[in-house]
Amino acid sequence: MESGRYDEAVTTCERMLSLRPDLRSYSRASYIRELYGNDDGAFEAMKLAADAGVFAQENRAWALFNLGKLFLNEGKLDTAAYIFNGILEERPDYAYAIAGKAQVKRAKGEYQEAVDLLAKAYQIAPEHLFVEQLADLYRSGGQTQSADGVAKIVLQAYEQHERDGWNVNREYAMFCANQGINLQEALQRAKKEFETRPDNIDVLETYAWTLLKAGRPREAVHLVEKAMRLNTKSFTLHYHAGVIYSAAGMQDEAQKYFAQAQTENPYMKIFCIDGGQQMKNSQGITANQ
């Protein structure tokens, strides 16, 4: 999967399901189906994964969290919140479920509640994911100073991960590109990761996005096209594609992908750090043509 050899991953997963249909194999099947744009199949497999888990155990909570994320990514906020709250009934301090609730609050425009929940999640489990989301929230809310302060914590966490032997090039690059910081280093890291994993769709999206941020959108076009080759229904991927095509002067293609992103998640603009401003700018260009 990490290398981007997805056809092989499908074969391996099918073998796992036939030999041992359990939480792990169902979870993997859900992820693969999501990658290939089969969202109904992804929902079904993740529900089976959760059902295969033991009540109140962490692996079941993780499966339920990912099920909630699937609903969240489609803009089904009430269902996502129901699942996250259900996890917390089983495991009251499960940080990922608390962070999931924060994203629901964000989508509903309940900004301070989202901030408080992310801070609580980080206090329980100091995972860099939670402060990444907090930095995004501050940045999208125009709180630049707070965003910069939290971003420093994220970068320190990445540095510690690297000292521990982790490869965080892709995550570092995407975070910095989204935050508009350390853009040259972000591009270098994304390029390095692309040279190692040129078929991975997350790596392709990250490299394309860092090229866009570096003012090189035309070089990003073929990368984002390759990232979309599996027909994954990702509103962030399609928003990024729209921005890249627009910056490259391809407005018809840009509008196509902006529309797709909005269809996939009606709350898409809220989850974009720029509030969908680049989509609005592109629509203005198209209207004036």
Foldseek 3Di string as FASTA:
>chain_A
DLLQPLVVLVVVLVVCCVVPNELVSLQSQLVSCLLLVNNVSNLVSLVRSLVRDDQLDPSNLVSLLVNLVSCVLQAVLVVSLVSLVVNCVSVVLQLSSLQSNLSSCLLVVVLVSSLVSLVSSCVSPVDLVSLLQNLLSCLLVVVLVVSVVSVVVSVVVVVVVVVVPDLCLLVVLQSCLLSVHPLVSSLVSLVVVCVRRVNALSSLLSNLSSCVSVVNLVVSQVSLVSSCVSVNQGLVSLQSNLLSCLSVVNLVSSVVSNVSSCNSHVSSLSSRSNSCVSVVVSVVVVVVD
